[in-house]
Amino acid sequence: MDFDYIGMFIRRYRQANNESLQSLADRSGVSRSMISQIESNQKSPTIVVLAKLASAMNIGLEDLVKMPDKHDEVLSFKPTDKNIV
């Protein structure tokens, strides 16, 4: 089974939040190199690693591992004066 979408989700999350690998690593307790390898689909994360990342990203584990519907589109927005709450 192909889990490339998990790495893509994590990378897009970081980019959308203007967050570095190191920042997510510091908050999650997962090494920067491991996160990089997950994002580039070089390594498959364990459930423990996924739980740490989901917690650091303030999302449910199920939201991180849920395979996106083929019709879903992931959008990321850059902060501007018009979209900051």
PDB file of N, CA and C in Angstrom:
ATOM      1  N   MET A   1       0.845  -1.184   0.000  1.00  0.00           N
ATOM      2  CA  MET A   1       0.000   0.000   0.000  1.00  0.00           C
ATOM      3  C   MET A   1       0.887   1.243   0.000  1.00  0.00           C
ATOM      4  N   ASP A   2       0.468   2.251  -0.687  1.00  0.00           N
ATOM      5  CA  ASP A   2       1.237   3.473  -0.859  1.00  0.00           C
ATOM      6  C   ASP A   2       0.760   4.541   0.130  1.00  0.00           C
ATOM      7  N   PHE A   3       1.685   5.030   0.953  1.00  0.00           N
ATOM      8  CA  PHE A   3       1.341   6.037   1.952  1.00  0.00           C
ATOM      9  C   PHE A   3       2.024   7.374   1.670  1.00  0.00           C
ATOM     10  N   ASP A   4       2.328   7.647   0.406  1.00  0.00           N
ATOM     11  CA  ASP A   4       3.000   8.897   0.035  1.00  0.00           C
ATOM     12  C   ASP A   4       2.224  10.135   0.481  1.00  0.00           C
ATOM     13  N   TYR A   5       0.908  10.006   0.563  1.00  0.00           N
ATOM     14  CA  TYR A   5       0.078  11.149   0.920  1.00  0.00           C
ATOM     15  C   TYR A   5       0.371  11.656   2.330  1.00  0.00           C
ATOM     16  N   ILE A   6       0.866  10.793   3.215  1.00  0.00           N
ATOM     17  CA  ILE A   6       1.168  11.231   4.583  1.00  0.00           C
ATOM     18  C   ILE A   6       2.343  12.208   4.566  1.00  0.00           C
ATOM     19  N   GLY A   7       3.399  11.855   3.858  1.00  0.00           N
ATOM     20  CA  GLY A   7       4.542  12.753   3.739  1.00  0.00           C
ATOM     21  C   GLY A   7       4.167  14.060   3.081  1.00  0.00           C
ATOM     22  N   MET A   8       3.329  13.988   2.049  1.00  0.00           N
ATOM     23  CA  MET A   8       2.890  15.193   1.360  1.00  0.00           C
ATOM     24  C   MET A   8       2.049  16.063   2.294  1.00  0.00           C
ATOM     25  N   PHE A   9       1.197  15.434   3.093  1.00  0.00           N
ATOM     26  CA  PHE A   9       0.362  16.170   4.039  1.00  0.00           C
ATOM     27  C   PHE A   9       1.227  16.915   5.049  1.00  0.00           C
ATOM     28  N   ILE A  10       2.227  16.232   5.583  1.00  0.00           N
ATOM     29  CA  ILE A  10       3.100  16.855   6.586  1.00  0.00           C
ATOM     30  C   ILE A  10       3.856  18.027   5.976  1.00  0.00           C
ATOM     31  N   ARG A  11       4.408  17.833   4.785  1.00  0.00           N
ATOM     32  CA  ARG A  11       5.141  18.923   4.123  1.00  0.00           C
ATOM     33  C   ARG A  11       4.228  20.108   3.851  1.00  0.00           C
ATOM     34  N   ARG A  12       3.039  19.854   3.353  1.00  0.00           N
ATOM     35  CA  ARG A  12       2.115  20.959   3.053  1.00  0.00           C
ATOM     36  C   ARG A  12       1.657  21.659   4.323  1.00  0.00           C
ATOM     37  N   TYR A  13       1.483  20.904   5.387  1.00  0.00           N
ATOM     38  CA  TYR A  13       1.151  21.507   6.679  1.00  0.00           C
ATOM     39  C   TYR A  13       2.252  22.482   7.088  1.00  0.00           C
ATOM     40  N   ARG A  14       3.500  22.012   7.019  1.00  0.00           N
ATOM     41  CA  ARG A  14       4.615  22.873   7.423  1.00  0.00           C
ATOM     42  C   ARG A  14       4.686  24.118   6.551  1.00  0.00           C
ATOM     43  N   GLN A  15       4.556  23.938   5.242  1.00  0.00           N
ATOM     44  CA  GLN A  15       4.632  25.075   4.326  1.00  0.00           C
ATOM     45  C   GLN A  15       3.498  26.064   4.569  1.00  0.00           C
ATOM     46  N   ALA A  16       2.295  25.543   4.782  1.00  0.00           N
ATOM     47  CA  ALA A  16       1.147  26.420   5.018  1.00  0.00           C
ATOM     48  C   ALA A  16       1.298  27.217   6.306  1.00  0.00           C
ATOM     49  N   ASN A  17       2.011  26.636   7.270  1.00  0.00           N
ATOM     50  CA  ASN A  17       2.222  27.308   8.550  1.00  0.00           C
ATOM     51  C   ASN A  17       3.585  27.970   8.648  1.00  0.00           C
ATOM     52  N   ASN A  18       4.289  28.022   7.524  1.00  0.00           N
ATOM     53  CA  ASN A  18       5.605  28.666   7.484  1.00  0.00           C
ATOM     54  C   ASN A  18       6.518  28.088   8.558  1.00  0.00           C
ATOM     55  N   GLU A  19       6.507  26.781   8.693  1.00  0.00           N
ATOM     56  CA  GLU A  19       7.251  26.107   9.755  1.00  0.00           C
ATOM     57  C   GLU A  19       8.417  25.315   9.173  1.00  0.00           C
ATOM     58  N   SER A  20       9.516  25.355   9.855  1.00  0.00           N
ATOM     59  CA  SER A  20      10.698  24.612   9.427  1.00  0.00           C
ATOM     60  C   SER A  20      10.637  23.170   9.919  1.00  0.00           C
ATOM     61  N   LEU A  21      11.459  22.328   9.315  1.00  0.00           N
ATOM     62  CA  LEU A  21      11.598  20.955   9.794  1.00  0.00           C
ATOM     63  C   LEU A  21      12.020  20.940  11.257  1.00  0.00           C
ATOM     64  N   GLN A  22      12.965  21.805  11.593  1.00  0.00           N
ATOM     65  CA  GLN A  22      13.493  21.834  12.960  1.00  0.00           C
ATOM     66  C   GLN A  22      12.422  22.217  13.968  1.00  0.00           C
ATOM     67  N   SER A  23      11.577  23.164  13.607  1.00  0.00           N
ATOM     68  CA  SER A  23      10.517  23.592  14.508  1.00  0.00           C
ATOM     69  C   SER A  23       9.541  22.444  14.787  1.00  0.00           C
ATOM     70  N   LEU A  24       9.127  21.752  13.729  1.00  0.00           N
ATOM     71  CA  LEU A  24       8.222  20.617  13.920  1.00  0.00           C
ATOM     72  C   LEU A  24       8.917  19.505  14.693  1.00  0.00           C
ATOM     73  N   ALA A  25      10.193  19.304  14.430  1.00  0.00           N
ATOM     74  CA  ALA A  25      10.964  18.288  15.168  1.00  0.00           C
ATOM     75  C   ALA A  25      11.015  18.627  16.658  1.00  0.00           C
ATOM     76  N   ASP A  26      11.280  19.877  16.970  1.00  0.00           N
ATOM     77  CA  ASP A  26      11.359  20.307  18.368  1.00  0.00           C
ATOM     78  C   ASP A  26      10.022  20.108  19.084  1.00  0.00           C
ATOM     79  N   ARG A  27       8.931  20.442  18.419  1.00  0.00           N
ATOM     80  CA  ARG A  27       7.619  20.331  19.054  1.00  0.00           C
ATOM     81  C   ARG A  27       7.133  18.895  19.160  1.00  0.00           C
ATOM     82  N   SER A  28       7.528  18.054  18.214  1.00  0.00           N
ATOM     83  CA  SER A  28       7.013  16.682  18.179  1.00  0.00           C
ATOM     84  C   SER A  28       7.898  15.664  18.889  1.00  0.00           C
ATOM     85  N   GLY A  29       9.190  15.962  19.000  1.00  0.00           N
ATOM     86  CA  GLY A  29      10.111  14.975  19.541  1.00  0.00           C
ATOM     87  C   GLY A  29      10.568  13.963  18.508  1.00  0.00           C
ATOM     88  N   VAL A  30      10.219  14.198  17.243  1.00  0.00           N
ATOM     89  CA  VAL A  30      10.656  13.356  16.125  1.00  0.00           C
ATOM     90  C   VAL A  30      11.822  14.077  15.462  1.00  0.00           C
ATOM     91  N   SER A  31      12.876  13.347  15.137  1.00  0.00           N
ATOM     92  CA  SER A  31      14.065  14.006  14.588  1.00  0.00           C
ATOM     93  C   SER A  31      13.768  14.686  13.255  1.00  0.00           C
ATOM     94  N   ARG A  32      14.515  15.752  13.017  1.00  0.00           N
ATOM     95  CA  ARG A  32      14.389  16.501  11.768  1.00  0.00           C
ATOM     96  C   ARG A  32      14.646  15.598  10.573  1.00  0.00           C
ATOM     97  N   SER A  33      15.658  14.739  10.681  1.00  0.00           N
ATOM     98  CA  SER A  33      15.983  13.850   9.562  1.00  0.00           C
ATOM     99  C   SER A  33      14.864  12.841   9.310  1.00  0.00           C
ATOM    100  N   MET A  34      14.226  12.352  10.374  1.00  0.00           N
ATOM    101  CA  MET A  34      13.113  11.414  10.190  1.00  0.00           C
ATOM    102  C   MET A  34      11.940  12.097   9.497  1.00  0.00           C
ATOM    103  N   ILE A  35      11.613  13.315   9.907  1.00  0.00           N
ATOM    104  CA  ILE A  35      10.512  14.045   9.269  1.00  0.00           C
ATOM    105  C   ILE A  35      10.839  14.275   7.799  1.00  0.00           C
ATOM    106  N   SER A  36      12.061  14.655   7.508  1.00  0.00           N
ATOM    107  CA  SER A  36      12.480  14.862   6.124  1.00  0.00           C
ATOM    108  C   SER A  36      12.343  13.582   5.307  1.00  0.00           C
ATOM    109  N   GLN A  37      12.748  12.462   5.883  1.00  0.00           N
ATOM    110  CA  GLN A  37      12.655  11.184   5.182  1.00  0.00           C
ATOM    111  C   GLN A  37      11.199  10.754   4.979  1.00  0.00           C
ATOM    112  N   ILE A  38      10.329  11.079   5.922  1.00  0.00           N
ATOM    113  CA  ILE A  38       8.910  10.783   5.760  1.00  0.00           C
ATOM    114  C   ILE A  38       8.334  11.640   4.642  1.00  0.00           C
ATOM    115  N   GLU A  39       8.664  12.940   4.660  1.00  0.00           N
ATOM    116  CA  GLU A  39       8.148  13.851   3.633  1.00  0.00           C
ATOM    117  C   GLU A  39       8.601  13.460   2.234  1.00  0.00           C
ATOM    118  N   SER A  40       9.800  12.929   2.126  1.00  0.00           N
ATOM    119  CA  SER A  40      10.321  12.548   0.796  1.00  0.00           C
ATOM    120  C   SER A  40      10.072  11.072   0.487  1.00  0.00           C
ATOM    121  N   ASN A  41       9.257  10.421   1.314  1.00  0.00           N
ATOM    122  CA  ASN A  41       8.851   9.034   1.111  1.00  0.00           C
ATOM    123  C   ASN A  41      10.010   8.048   1.094  1.00  0.00           C
ATOM    124  N   GLN A  42      11.064   8.371   1.844  1.00  0.00           N
ATOM    125  CA  GLN A  42      12.199   7.463   1.978  1.00  0.00           C
ATOM    126  C   GLN A  42      11.995   6.504   3.142  1.00  0.00           C
ATOM    127  N   LYS A  43      11.174   6.892   4.115  1.00  0.00           N
ATOM    128  CA  LYS A  43      10.904   6.062   5.294  1.00  0.00           C
ATOM    129  C   LYS A  43       9.412   6.048   5.563  1.00  0.00           C
ATOM    130  N   SER A  44       8.947   4.925   6.075  1.00  0.00           N
ATOM    131  CA  SER A  44       7.560   4.816   6.520  1.00  0.00           C
ATOM    132  C   SER A  44       7.541   4.994   8.036  1.00  0.00           C
ATOM    133  N   PRO A  45       6.749   5.927   8.526  1.00  0.00           N
ATOM    134  CA  PRO A  45       6.726   6.190   9.968  1.00  0.00           C
ATOM    135  C   PRO A  45       5.971   5.107  10.731  1.00  0.00           C
ATOM    136  N   THR A  46       6.364   4.907  11.969  1.00  0.00           N
ATOM    137  CA  THR A  46       5.625   4.015  12.857  1.00  0.00           C
ATOM    138  C   THR A  46       4.401   4.758  13.372  1.00  0.00           C
ATOM    139  N   ILE A  47       3.492   4.041  13.980  1.00  0.00           N
ATOM    140  CA  ILE A  47       2.300   4.660  14.541  1.00  0.00           C
ATOM    141  C   ILE A  47       2.663   5.610  15.680  1.00  0.00           C
ATOM    142  N   VAL A  48       3.721   5.298  16.409  1.00  0.00           N
ATOM    143  CA  VAL A  48       4.178   6.171  17.498  1.00  0.00           C
ATOM    144  C   VAL A  48       4.655   7.506  16.930  1.00  0.00           C
ATOM    145  N   VAL A  49       5.443   7.460  15.864  1.00  0.00           N
ATOM    146  CA  VAL A  49       5.935   8.686  15.219  1.00  0.00           C
ATOM    147  C   VAL A  49       4.759   9.490  14.671  1.00  0.00           C
ATOM    148  N   LEU A  50       3.818   8.814  14.023  1.00  0.00           N
ATOM    149  CA  LEU A  50       2.649   9.510  13.490  1.00  0.00           C
ATOM    150  C   LEU A  50       1.839  10.180  14.597  1.00  0.00           C
ATOM    151  N   ALA A  51       1.705   9.505  15.723  1.00  0.00           N
ATOM    152  CA  ALA A  51       0.965  10.089  16.854  1.00  0.00           C
ATOM    153  C   ALA A  51       1.670  11.336  17.383  1.00  0.00           C
ATOM    154  N   LYS A  52       2.988  11.304  17.468  1.00  0.00           N
ATOM    155  CA  LYS A  52       3.750  12.473  17.933  1.00  0.00           C
ATOM    156  C   LYS A  52       3.583  13.643  16.960  1.00  0.00           C
ATOM    157  N   LEU A  53       3.668  13.347  15.658  1.00  0.00           N
ATOM    158  CA  LEU A  53       3.524  14.406  14.661  1.00  0.00           C
ATOM    159  C   LEU A  53       2.117  14.983  14.682  1.00  0.00           C
ATOM    160  N   ALA A  54       1.100  14.127  14.745  1.00  0.00           N
ATOM    161  CA  ALA A  54      -0.280  14.604  14.779  1.00  0.00           C
ATOM    162  C   ALA A  54      -0.510  15.504  15.991  1.00  0.00           C
ATOM    163  N   SER A  55       0.007  15.101  17.139  1.00  0.00           N
ATOM    164  CA  SER A  55      -0.152  15.899  18.352  1.00  0.00           C
ATOM    165  C   SER A  55       0.515  17.265  18.186  1.00  0.00           C
ATOM    166  N   ALA A  56       1.729  17.283  17.643  1.00  0.00           N
ATOM    167  CA  ALA A  56       2.449  18.544  17.438  1.00  0.00           C
ATOM    168  C   ALA A  56       1.751  19.433  16.412  1.00  0.00           C
ATOM    169  N   MET A  57       1.053  18.812  15.468  1.00  0.00           N
ATOM    170  CA  MET A  57       0.354  19.560  14.424  1.00  0.00           C
ATOM    171  C   MET A  57      -1.066  19.942  14.856  1.00  0.00           C
ATOM    172  N   ASN A  58      -1.450  19.550  16.083  1.00  0.00           N
ATOM    173  CA  ASN A  58      -2.787  19.843  16.627  1.00  0.00           C
ATOM    174  C   ASN A  58      -3.905  19.277  15.762  1.00  0.00           C
ATOM    175  N   ILE A  59      -3.692  18.054  15.270  1.00  0.00           N
ATOM    176  CA  ILE A  59      -4.727  17.361  14.509  1.00  0.00           C
ATOM    177  C   ILE A  59      -4.863  15.960  15.079  1.00  0.00           C
ATOM    178  N   GLY A  60      -5.967  15.327  14.805  1.00  0.00           N
ATOM    179  CA  GLY A  60      -6.164  13.958  15.246  1.00  0.00           C
ATOM    180  C   GLY A  60      -5.328  13.000  14.413  1.00  0.00           C
ATOM    181  N   LEU A  61      -4.890  11.934  15.023  1.00  0.00           N
ATOM    182  CA  LEU A  61      -4.115  10.922  14.307  1.00  0.00           C
ATOM    183  C   LEU A  61      -4.888  10.409  13.099  1.00  0.00           C
ATOM    184  N   GLU A  62      -6.196  10.223  13.278  1.00  0.00           N
ATOM    185  CA  GLU A  62      -7.012   9.726  12.164  1.00  0.00           C
ATOM    186  C   GLU A  62      -7.017  10.695  10.986  1.00  0.00           C
ATOM    187  N   ASP A  63      -6.928  12.000  11.253  1.00  0.00           N
ATOM    188  CA  ASP A  63      -6.889  12.985  10.172  1.00  0.00           C
ATOM    189  C   ASP A  63      -5.566  12.944   9.422  1.00  0.00           C
ATOM    190  N   LEU A  64      -4.506  12.572  10.126  1.00  0.00           N
ATOM    191  CA  LEU A  64      -3.196  12.486   9.493  1.00  0.00           C
ATOM    192  C   LEU A  64      -3.086  11.249   8.604  1.00  0.00           C
ATOM    193  N   VAL A  65      -3.650  10.145   9.048  1.00  0.00           N
ATOM    194  CA  VAL A  65      -3.462   8.891   8.302  1.00  0.00           C
ATOM    195  C   VAL A  65      -4.591   8.587   7.324  1.00  0.00           C
ATOM    196  N   LYS A  66      -5.672   9.321   7.404  1.00  0.00           N
ATOM    197  CA  LYS A  66      -6.807   9.072   6.511  1.00  0.00           C
ATOM    198  C   LYS A  66      -6.417   9.359   5.067  1.00  0.00           C
ATOM    199  N   MET A  67      -6.617   8.368   4.208  1.00  0.00           N
ATOM    200  CA  MET A  67      -6.311   8.548   2.795  1.00  0.00           C
ATOM    201  C   MET A  67      -7.278   9.570   2.215  1.00  0.00           C
ATOM    202  N   PRO A  68      -6.752  10.576   1.522  1.00  0.00           N
ATOM    203  CA  PRO A  68      -7.643  11.590   0.955  1.00  0.00           C
ATOM    204  C   PRO A  68      -8.494  11.000  -0.166  1.00  0.00           C
ATOM    205  N   ASP A  69      -9.689  11.511  -0.273  1.00  0.00           N
ATOM    206  CA  ASP A  69     -10.560  11.134  -1.379  1.00  0.00           C
ATOM    207  C   ASP A  69      -9.915  11.641  -2.662  1.00  0.00           C
ATOM    208  N   LYS A  70     -10.028  10.885  -3.720  1.00  0.00           N
ATOM    209  CA  LYS A  70      -9.371  11.306  -4.964  1.00  0.00           C
ATOM    210  C   LYS A  70      -9.905  12.633  -5.480  1.00  0.00           C
ATOM    211  N   HIS A  71     -11.038  13.076  -4.963  1.00  0.00           N
ATOM    212  CA  HIS A  71     -11.605  14.358  -5.387  1.00  0.00           C
ATOM    213  C   HIS A  71     -11.214  15.501  -4.459  1.00  0.00           C
ATOM    214  N   ASP A  72     -10.572  15.150  -3.337  1.00  0.00           N
ATOM    215  CA  ASP A  72     -10.138  16.187  -2.397  1.00  0.00           C
ATOM    216  C   ASP A  72      -8.961  16.943  -2.981  1.00  0.00           C
ATOM    217  N   GLU A  73      -8.914  18.204  -2.706  1.00  0.00           N
ATOM    218  CA  GLU A  73      -7.790  19.025  -3.130  1.00  0.00           C
ATOM    219  C   GLU A  73      -7.245  19.723  -1.899  1.00  0.00           C
ATOM    220  N   VAL A  74      -5.951  19.663  -1.732  1.00  0.00           N
ATOM    221  CA  VAL A  74      -5.322  20.316  -0.599  1.00  0.00           C
ATOM    222  C   VAL A  74      -4.920  21.719  -1.016  1.00  0.00           C
ATOM    223  N   LEU A  75      -5.405  22.688  -0.289  1.00  0.00           N
ATOM    224  CA  LEU A  75      -5.075  24.083  -0.563  1.00  0.00           C
ATOM    225  C   LEU A  75      -4.271  24.630   0.597  1.00  0.00           C
ATOM    226  N   SER A  76      -3.301  25.428   0.296  1.00  0.00           N
ATOM    227  CA  SER A  76      -2.579  26.118   1.353  1.00  0.00           C
ATOM    228  C   SER A  76      -2.584  27.602   1.029  1.00  0.00           C
ATOM    229  N   PHE A  77      -2.715  28.390   2.065  1.00  0.00           N
ATOM    230  CA  PHE A  77      -2.817  29.827   1.897  1.00  0.00           C
ATOM    231  C   PHE A  77      -1.672  30.512   2.612  1.00  0.00           C
ATOM    232  N   LYS A  78      -1.170  31.544   2.005  1.00  0.00           N
ATOM    233  CA  LYS A  78      -0.173  32.389   2.639  1.00  0.00           C
ATOM    234  C   LYS A  78      -0.911  33.437   3.464  1.00  0.00           C
ATOM    235  N   PRO A  79      -0.429  33.735   4.650  1.00  0.00           N
ATOM    236  CA  PRO A  79      -1.101  34.750   5.468  1.00  0.00           C
ATOM    237  C   PRO A  79      -1.039  36.137   4.803  1.00  0.00           C
ATOM    238  N   THR A  80      -2.152  36.795   4.809  1.00  0.00           N
ATOM    239  CA  THR A  80      -2.234  38.179   4.320  1.00  0.00           C
ATOM    240  C   THR A  80      -3.096  38.965   5.293  1.00  0.00           C
ATOM    241  N   ASP A  81      -3.201  40.249   5.083  1.00  0.00           N
ATOM    242  CA  ASP A  81      -4.048  41.077   5.927  1.00  0.00           C
ATOM    243  C   ASP A  81      -5.510  40.671   5.839  1.00  0.00           C
ATOM    244  N   LYS A  82      -5.888  40.048   4.710  1.00  0.00           N
ATOM    245  CA  LYS A  82      -7.299  39.702   4.487  1.00  0.00           C
ATOM    246  C   LYS A  82      -7.691  38.356   5.087  1.00  0.00           C
ATOM    247  N   ASN A  83      -6.736  37.466   5.353  1.00  0.00           N
ATOM    248  CA  ASN A  83      -7.130  36.145   5.840  1.00  0.00           C
ATOM    249  C   ASN A  83      -6.615  35.807   7.237  1.00  0.00           C
ATOM    250  N   ILE A  84      -6.025  36.770   7.910  1.00  0.00           N
ATOM    251  CA  ILE A  84      -5.583  36.544   9.281  1.00  0.00           C
ATOM    252  C   ILE A  84      -6.703  36.908  10.229  1.00  0.00           C
ATOM    253  N   VAL A  85      -7.022  35.996  11.126  1.00  0.00           N
ATOM    254  CA  VAL A  85      -8.128  36.227  12.058  1.00  0.00           C
ATOM    255  C   VAL A  85      -7.602  36.803  13.343  1.00  0.00           C
TER     256      VAL A  85
END
